[in-house]
Amino acid sequence: MKCVICNSQDITRRKVEEEIRKNSDLILVPVEVLVCEGCGERYYDRRTMKTLEDIEQSIKEKRASLQKVGRVLRVS
């Protein structure tokens, strides 16, 4: 496989945290994807996309089990 952005062939499978935003909340979802080591472009397979869609839907329906991991502060 060759990266469509930088043409690098150095693409590896890695665990990353995908971000889902809901209003002012940021939800981190650990997933395994292919990542170009040259430019960081991520490639998602169908199963991973379906998982992310299902999680996003469960968040909308307030069925998701979420764990608070910190706070976000903004400089005013």
PDB file of N, CA and C in Angstrom:
ATOM      1  N   MET A   1       0.848  -1.180   0.000  1.00  0.00           N
ATOM      2  CA  MET A   1       0.000   0.000   0.000  1.00  0.00           C
ATOM      3  C   MET A   1       0.894   1.244   0.000  1.00  0.00           C
ATOM      4  N   LYS A   2       0.455   2.250  -0.736  1.00  0.00           N
ATOM      5  CA  LYS A   2       1.190   3.506  -0.818  1.00  0.00           C
ATOM      6  C   LYS A   2       0.284   4.631  -0.317  1.00  0.00           C
ATOM      7  N   CYS A   3       0.835   5.559   0.462  1.00  0.00           N
ATOM      8  CA  CYS A   3       0.073   6.691   0.989  1.00  0.00           C
ATOM      9  C   CYS A   3      -0.405   7.581  -0.154  1.00  0.00           C
ATOM     10  N   VAL A   4      -1.687   7.945  -0.113  1.00  0.00           N
ATOM     11  CA  VAL A   4      -2.244   8.805  -1.166  1.00  0.00           C
ATOM     12  C   VAL A   4      -1.817  10.265  -1.003  1.00  0.00           C
ATOM     13  N   ILE A   5      -1.287  10.630   0.160  1.00  0.00           N
ATOM     14  CA  ILE A   5      -0.868  12.010   0.411  1.00  0.00           C
ATOM     15  C   ILE A   5       0.596  12.230   0.036  1.00  0.00           C
ATOM     16  N   CYS A   6       1.499  11.387   0.573  1.00  0.00           N
ATOM     17  CA  CYS A   6       2.940  11.624   0.377  1.00  0.00           C
ATOM     18  C   CYS A   6       3.650  10.526  -0.422  1.00  0.00           C
ATOM     19  N   ASN A   7       2.905   9.506  -0.850  1.00  0.00           N
ATOM     20  CA  ASN A   7       3.439   8.381  -1.634  1.00  0.00           C
ATOM     21  C   ASN A   7       4.393   7.471  -0.870  1.00  0.00           C
ATOM     22  N   SER A   8       4.501   7.629   0.439  1.00  0.00           N
ATOM     23  CA  SER A   8       5.355   6.753   1.241  1.00  0.00           C
ATOM     24  C   SER A   8       4.757   5.347   1.278  1.00  0.00           C
ATOM     25  N   GLN A   9       5.616   4.349   1.321  1.00  0.00           N
ATOM     26  CA  GLN A   9       5.158   2.972   1.473  1.00  0.00           C
ATOM     27  C   GLN A   9       5.342   2.492   2.910  1.00  0.00           C
ATOM     28  N   ASP A  10       5.782   3.390   3.788  1.00  0.00           N
ATOM     29  CA  ASP A  10       6.002   3.063   5.196  1.00  0.00           C
ATOM     30  C   ASP A  10       4.700   3.269   5.979  1.00  0.00           C
ATOM     31  N   ILE A  11       3.809   2.284   5.883  1.00  0.00           N
ATOM     32  CA  ILE A  11       2.505   2.353   6.539  1.00  0.00           C
ATOM     33  C   ILE A  11       2.414   1.203   7.529  1.00  0.00           C
ATOM     34  N   THR A  12       2.098   1.534   8.788  1.00  0.00           N
ATOM     35  CA  THR A  12       2.043   0.518   9.839  1.00  0.00           C
ATOM     36  C   THR A  12       0.708   0.570  10.569  1.00  0.00           C
ATOM     37  N   ARG A  13       0.354  -0.559  11.174  1.00  0.00           N
ATOM     38  CA  ARG A  13      -0.861  -0.646  11.984  1.00  0.00           C
ATOM     39  C   ARG A  13      -0.510  -0.175  13.394  1.00  0.00           C
ATOM     40  N   ARG A  14      -1.308   0.782  13.897  1.00  0.00           N
ATOM     41  CA  ARG A  14      -1.064   1.325  15.242  1.00  0.00           C
ATOM     42  C   ARG A  14      -2.371   1.560  15.967  1.00  0.00           C
ATOM     43  N   LYS A  15      -2.280   1.571  17.295  1.00  0.00           N
ATOM     44  CA  LYS A  15      -3.418   1.973  18.115  1.00  0.00           C
ATOM     45  C   LYS A  15      -3.356   3.484  18.277  1.00  0.00           C
ATOM     46  N   VAL A  16      -4.484   4.143  18.005  1.00  0.00           N
ATOM     47  CA  VAL A  16      -4.581   5.594  18.143  1.00  0.00           C
ATOM     48  C   VAL A  16      -5.856   5.919  18.905  1.00  0.00           C
ATOM     49  N   GLU A  17      -5.976   7.147  19.346  1.00  0.00           N
ATOM     50  CA  GLU A  17      -7.206   7.599  19.988  1.00  0.00           C
ATOM     51  C   GLU A  17      -7.928   8.529  19.027  1.00  0.00           C
ATOM     52  N   GLU A  18      -9.075   8.086  18.572  1.00  0.00           N
ATOM     53  CA  GLU A  18      -9.906   8.909  17.689  1.00  0.00           C
ATOM     54  C   GLU A  18     -10.755   9.822  18.559  1.00  0.00           C
ATOM     55  N   GLU A  19     -10.964  11.049  18.108  1.00  0.00           N
ATOM     56  CA  GLU A  19     -11.742  12.022  18.882  1.00  0.00           C
ATOM     57  C   GLU A  19     -13.152  12.146  18.325  1.00  0.00           C
ATOM     58  N   ILE A  20     -14.131  12.080  19.220  1.00  0.00           N
ATOM     59  CA  ILE A  20     -15.517  12.370  18.872  1.00  0.00           C
ATOM     60  C   ILE A  20     -15.923  13.560  19.719  1.00  0.00           C
ATOM     61  N   ARG A  21     -16.417  14.603  19.079  1.00  0.00           N
ATOM     62  CA  ARG A  21     -16.843  15.802  19.808  1.00  0.00           C
ATOM     63  C   ARG A  21     -18.357  15.839  19.896  1.00  0.00           C
ATOM     64  N   LYS A  22     -18.836  16.132  21.108  1.00  0.00           N
ATOM     65  CA  LYS A  22     -20.269  16.314  21.339  1.00  0.00           C
ATOM     66  C   LYS A  22     -20.418  17.566  22.182  1.00  0.00           C
ATOM     67  N   ASN A  23     -20.952  18.619  21.563  1.00  0.00           N
ATOM     68  CA  ASN A  23     -21.036  19.931  22.207  1.00  0.00           C
ATOM     69  C   ASN A  23     -19.643  20.347  22.652  1.00  0.00           C
ATOM     70  N   SER A  24     -19.436  20.594  23.945  1.00  0.00           N
ATOM     71  CA  SER A  24     -18.106  20.986  24.417  1.00  0.00           C
ATOM     72  C   SER A  24     -17.317  19.799  24.963  1.00  0.00           C
ATOM     73  N   ASP A  25     -17.857  18.590  24.814  1.00  0.00           N
ATOM     74  CA  ASP A  25     -17.176  17.391  25.309  1.00  0.00           C
ATOM     75  C   ASP A  25     -16.304  16.772  24.218  1.00  0.00           C
ATOM     76  N   LEU A  26     -15.195  16.193  24.637  1.00  0.00           N
ATOM     77  CA  LEU A  26     -14.295  15.477  23.747  1.00  0.00           C
ATOM     78  C   LEU A  26     -14.222  14.046  24.252  1.00  0.00           C
ATOM     79  N   ILE A  27     -14.606  13.092  23.407  1.00  0.00           N
ATOM     80  CA  ILE A  27     -14.617  11.684  23.792  1.00  0.00           C
ATOM     81  C   ILE A  27     -13.518  10.985  23.010  1.00  0.00           C
ATOM     82  N   LEU A  28     -12.628  10.286  23.712  1.00  0.00           N
ATOM     83  CA  LEU A  28     -11.514   9.580  23.092  1.00  0.00           C
ATOM     84  C   LEU A  28     -11.875   8.110  22.937  1.00  0.00           C
ATOM     85  N   VAL A  29     -11.695   7.587  21.719  1.00  0.00           N
ATOM     86  CA  VAL A  29     -12.027   6.201  21.413  1.00  0.00           C
ATOM     87  C   VAL A  29     -10.766   5.513  20.901  1.00  0.00           C
ATOM     88  N   PRO A  30     -10.260   4.499  21.630  1.00  0.00           N
ATOM     89  CA  PRO A  30      -9.074   3.789  21.144  1.00  0.00           C
ATOM     90  C   PRO A  30      -9.446   2.863  19.980  1.00  0.00           C
ATOM     91  N   VAL A  31      -8.736   3.003  18.861  1.00  0.00           N
ATOM     92  CA  VAL A  31      -8.962   2.156  17.689  1.00  0.00           C
ATOM     93  C   VAL A  31      -7.618   1.790  17.067  1.00  0.00           C
ATOM     94  N   GLU A  32      -7.628   0.738  16.264  1.00  0.00           N
ATOM     95  CA  GLU A  32      -6.430   0.322  15.552  1.00  0.00           C
ATOM     96  C   GLU A  32      -6.609   0.670  14.078  1.00  0.00           C
ATOM     97  N   VAL A  33      -5.659   1.422  13.525  1.00  0.00           N
ATOM     98  CA  VAL A  33      -5.744   1.885  12.137  1.00  0.00           C
ATOM     99  C   VAL A  33      -4.382   1.754  11.467  1.00  0.00           C
ATOM    100  N   LEU A  34      -4.372   1.915  10.157  1.00  0.00           N
ATOM    101  CA  LEU A  34      -3.117   2.018   9.422  1.00  0.00           C
ATOM    102  C   LEU A  34      -2.709   3.483   9.409  1.00  0.00           C
ATOM    103  N   VAL A  35      -1.419   3.744   9.679  1.00  0.00           N
ATOM    104  CA  VAL A  35      -0.918   5.118   9.738  1.00  0.00           C
ATOM    105  C   VAL A  35       0.322   5.233   8.860  1.00  0.00           C
ATOM    106  N   CYS A  36       0.343   6.262   8.023  1.00  0.00           N
ATOM    107  CA  CYS A  36       1.533   6.549   7.224  1.00  0.00           C
ATOM    108  C   CYS A  36       2.576   7.163   8.146  1.00  0.00           C
ATOM    109  N   GLU A  37       3.758   6.561   8.183  1.00  0.00           N
ATOM    110  CA  GLU A  37       4.829   7.068   9.036  1.00  0.00           C
ATOM    111  C   GLU A  37       5.463   8.327   8.443  1.00  0.00           C
ATOM    112  N   GLY A  38       5.217   8.583   7.170  1.00  0.00           N
ATOM    113  CA  GLY A  38       5.782   9.768   6.531  1.00  0.00           C
ATOM    114  C   GLY A  38       5.022  11.045   6.853  1.00  0.00           C
ATOM    115  N   CYS A  39       3.684  10.969   6.807  1.00  0.00           N
ATOM    116  CA  CYS A  39       2.898  12.195   6.983  1.00  0.00           C
ATOM    117  C   CYS A  39       1.806  12.087   8.049  1.00  0.00           C
ATOM    118  N   GLY A  40       1.564  10.887   8.576  1.00  0.00           N
ATOM    119  CA  GLY A  40       0.564  10.733   9.627  1.00  0.00           C
ATOM    120  C   GLY A  40      -0.849  10.459   9.136  1.00  0.00           C
ATOM    121  N   GLU A  41      -1.051  10.373   7.828  1.00  0.00           N
ATOM    122  CA  GLU A  41      -2.381  10.074   7.286  1.00  0.00           C
ATOM    123  C   GLU A  41      -2.879   8.739   7.851  1.00  0.00           C
ATOM    124  N   ARG A  42      -4.158   8.712   8.241  1.00  0.00           N
ATOM    125  CA  ARG A  42      -4.747   7.502   8.821  1.00  0.00           C
ATOM    126  C   ARG A  42      -5.684   6.841   7.813  1.00  0.00           C
ATOM    127  N   TYR A  43      -5.679   5.507   7.829  1.00  0.00           N
ATOM    128  CA  TYR A  43      -6.549   4.719   6.958  1.00  0.00           C
ATOM    129  C   TYR A  43      -7.395   3.797   7.829  1.00  0.00           C
ATOM    130  N   TYR A  44      -8.713   3.896   7.657  1.00  0.00           N
ATOM    131  CA  TYR A  44      -9.668   3.157   8.481  1.00  0.00           C
ATOM    132  C   TYR A  44     -10.326   2.066   7.644  1.00  0.00           C
ATOM    133  N   ASP A  45     -10.406   0.848   8.205  1.00  0.00           N
ATOM    134  CA  ASP A  45     -11.138  -0.197   7.500  1.00  0.00           C
ATOM    135  C   ASP A  45     -12.629  -0.085   7.832  1.00  0.00           C
ATOM    136  N   ARG A  46     -13.444  -0.856   7.135  1.00  0.00           N
ATOM    137  CA  ARG A  46     -14.898  -0.779   7.322  1.00  0.00           C
ATOM    138  C   ARG A  46     -15.319  -1.121   8.741  1.00  0.00           C
ATOM    139  N   ARG A  47     -14.689  -2.130   9.327  1.00  0.00           N
ATOM    140  CA  ARG A  47     -15.053  -2.549  10.687  1.00  0.00           C
ATOM    141  C   ARG A  47     -14.800  -1.427  11.693  1.00  0.00           C
ATOM    142  N   THR A  48     -13.671  -0.755  11.560  1.00  0.00           N
ATOM    143  CA  THR A  48     -13.342   0.357  12.456  1.00  0.00           C
ATOM    144  C   THR A  48     -14.322   1.508  12.267  1.00  0.00           C
ATOM    145  N   MET A  49     -14.652   1.822  11.019  1.00  0.00           N
ATOM    146  CA  MET A  49     -15.622   2.894  10.762  1.00  0.00           C
ATOM    147  C   MET A  49     -16.984   2.551  11.357  1.00  0.00           C
ATOM    148  N   LYS A  50     -17.403   1.299  11.223  1.00  0.00           N
ATOM    149  CA  LYS A  50     -18.686   0.865  11.788  1.00  0.00           C
ATOM    150  C   LYS A  50     -18.652   0.987  13.306  1.00  0.00           C
ATOM    151  N   THR A  51     -17.544   0.606  13.925  1.00  0.00           N
ATOM    152  CA  THR A  51     -17.394   0.730  15.376  1.00  0.00           C
ATOM    153  C   THR A  51     -17.519   2.185  15.803  1.00  0.00           C
ATOM    154  N   LEU A  52     -16.837   3.090  15.109  1.00  0.00           N
ATOM    155  CA  LEU A  52     -16.910   4.514  15.445  1.00  0.00           C
ATOM    156  C   LEU A  52     -18.326   5.059  15.258  1.00  0.00           C
ATOM    157  N   GLU A  53     -18.998   4.642  14.191  1.00  0.00           N
ATOM    158  CA  GLU A  53     -20.383   5.077  13.963  1.00  0.00           C
ATOM    159  C   GLU A  53     -21.306   4.572  15.067  1.00  0.00           C
ATOM    160  N   ASP A  54     -21.122   3.305  15.476  1.00  0.00           N
ATOM    161  CA  ASP A  54     -21.945   2.733  16.549  1.00  0.00           C
ATOM    162  C   ASP A  54     -21.715   3.465  17.872  1.00  0.00           C
ATOM    163  N   ILE A  55     -20.460   3.779  18.170  1.00  0.00           N
ATOM    164  CA  ILE A  55     -20.146   4.502  19.406  1.00  0.00           C
ATOM    165  C   ILE A  55     -20.749   5.901  19.361  1.00  0.00           C
ATOM    166  N   GLU A  56     -20.632   6.571  18.229  1.00  0.00           N
ATOM    167  CA  GLU A  56     -21.200   7.913  18.095  1.00  0.00           C
ATOM    168  C   GLU A  56     -22.716   7.880  18.296  1.00  0.00           C
ATOM    169  N   GLN A  57     -23.373   6.859  17.745  1.00  0.00           N
ATOM    170  CA  GLN A  57     -24.817   6.724  17.913  1.00  0.00           C
ATOM    171  C   GLN A  57     -25.172   6.456  19.373  1.00  0.00           C
ATOM    172  N   SER A  58     -24.402   5.607  20.053  1.00  0.00           N
ATOM    173  CA  SER A  58     -24.691   5.310  21.461  1.00  0.00           C
ATOM    174  C   SER A  58     -24.472   6.541  22.341  1.00  0.00           C
ATOM    175  N   ILE A  59     -23.547   7.415  21.952  1.00  0.00           N
ATOM    176  CA  ILE A  59     -23.341   8.672  22.685  1.00  0.00           C
ATOM    177  C   ILE A  59     -24.557   9.571  22.500  1.00  0.00           C
ATOM    178  N   LYS A  60     -25.052   9.668  21.264  1.00  0.00           N
ATOM    179  CA  LYS A  60     -26.237  10.487  20.989  1.00  0.00           C
ATOM    180  C   LYS A  60     -27.447   9.993  21.778  1.00  0.00           C
ATOM    181  N   GLU A  61     -27.566   8.671  21.898  1.00  0.00           N
ATOM    182  CA  GLU A  61     -28.702   8.076  22.607  1.00  0.00           C
ATOM    183  C   GLU A  61     -28.446   7.954  24.109  1.00  0.00           C
ATOM    184  N   LYS A  62     -27.295   8.452  24.555  1.00  0.00           N
ATOM    185  CA  LYS A  62     -26.896   8.424  25.969  1.00  0.00           C
ATOM    186  C   LYS A  62     -26.849   7.005  26.535  1.00  0.00           C
ATOM    187  N   ARG A  63     -26.402   6.046  25.689  1.00  0.00           N
ATOM    188  CA  ARG A  63     -26.238   4.658  26.115  1.00  0.00           C
ATOM    189  C   ARG A  63     -24.773   4.316  26.374  1.00  0.00           C
ATOM    190  N   ALA A  64     -23.881   5.174  25.946  1.00  0.00           N
ATOM    191  CA  ALA A  64     -22.451   4.880  26.042  1.00  0.00           C
ATOM    192  C   ALA A  64     -21.972   4.947  27.485  1.00  0.00           C
ATOM    193  N   SER A  65     -21.073   4.042  27.821  1.00  0.00           N
ATOM    194  CA  SER A  65     -20.445   4.048  29.139  1.00  0.00           C
ATOM    195  C   SER A  65     -19.157   4.871  29.032  1.00  0.00           C
ATOM    196  N   LEU A  66     -19.167   6.055  29.630  1.00  0.00           N
ATOM    197  CA  LEU A  66     -18.029   6.964  29.524  1.00  0.00           C
ATOM    198  C   LEU A  66     -17.351   7.135  30.872  1.00  0.00           C
ATOM    199  N   GLN A  67     -16.038   7.271  30.843  1.00  0.00           N
ATOM    200  CA  GLN A  67     -15.249   7.460  32.054  1.00  0.00           C
ATOM    201  C   GLN A  67     -14.606   8.843  31.997  1.00  0.00           C
ATOM    202  N   LYS A  68     -14.791   9.632  33.039  1.00  0.00           N
ATOM    203  CA  LYS A  68     -14.175  10.957  33.100  1.00  0.00           C
ATOM    204  C   LYS A  68     -12.678  10.790  33.355  1.00  0.00           C
ATOM    205  N   VAL A  69     -11.851  11.444  32.532  1.00  0.00           N
ATOM    206  CA  VAL A  69     -10.404  11.284  32.668  1.00  0.00           C
ATOM    207  C   VAL A  69      -9.675  12.586  32.958  1.00  0.00           C
ATOM    208  N   GLY A  70     -10.375  13.680  33.073  1.00  0.00           N
ATOM    209  CA  GLY A  70      -9.705  14.946  33.363  1.00  0.00           C
ATOM    210  C   GLY A  70     -10.617  16.124  33.110  1.00  0.00           C
ATOM    211  N   ARG A  71     -10.003  17.297  32.992  1.00  0.00           N
ATOM    212  CA  ARG A  71     -10.742  18.529  32.730  1.00  0.00           C
ATOM    213  C   ARG A  71     -10.055  19.289  31.615  1.00  0.00           C
ATOM    214  N   VAL A  72     -10.830  20.069  30.927  1.00  0.00           N
ATOM    215  CA  VAL A  72     -10.287  20.953  29.902  1.00  0.00           C
ATOM    216  C   VAL A  72     -10.449  22.374  30.402  1.00  0.00           C
ATOM    217  N   LEU A  73      -9.386  23.139  30.341  1.00  0.00           N
ATOM    218  CA  LEU A  73      -9.420  24.529  30.778  1.00  0.00           C
ATOM    219  C   LEU A  73      -9.069  25.419  29.598  1.00  0.00           C
ATOM    220  N   ARG A  74      -9.656  26.603  29.553  1.00  0.00           N
ATOM    221  CA  ARG A  74      -9.401  27.551  28.476  1.00  0.00           C
ATOM    222  C   ARG A  74      -8.829  28.831  29.070  1.00  0.00           C
ATOM    223  N   VAL A  75      -7.811  29.384  28.427  1.00  0.00           N
ATOM    224  CA  VAL A  75      -7.253  30.665  28.847  1.00  0.00           C
ATOM    225  C   VAL A  75      -8.239  31.745  28.436  1.00  0.00           C
ATOM    226  N   SER A  76      -8.571  32.636  29.388  1.00  0.00           N
ATOM    227  CA  SER A  76      -9.538  33.696  29.060  1.00  0.00           C
ATOM    228  C   SER A  76      -8.842  35.022  28.836  1.00  0.00           C
TER     229      SER A  76
END
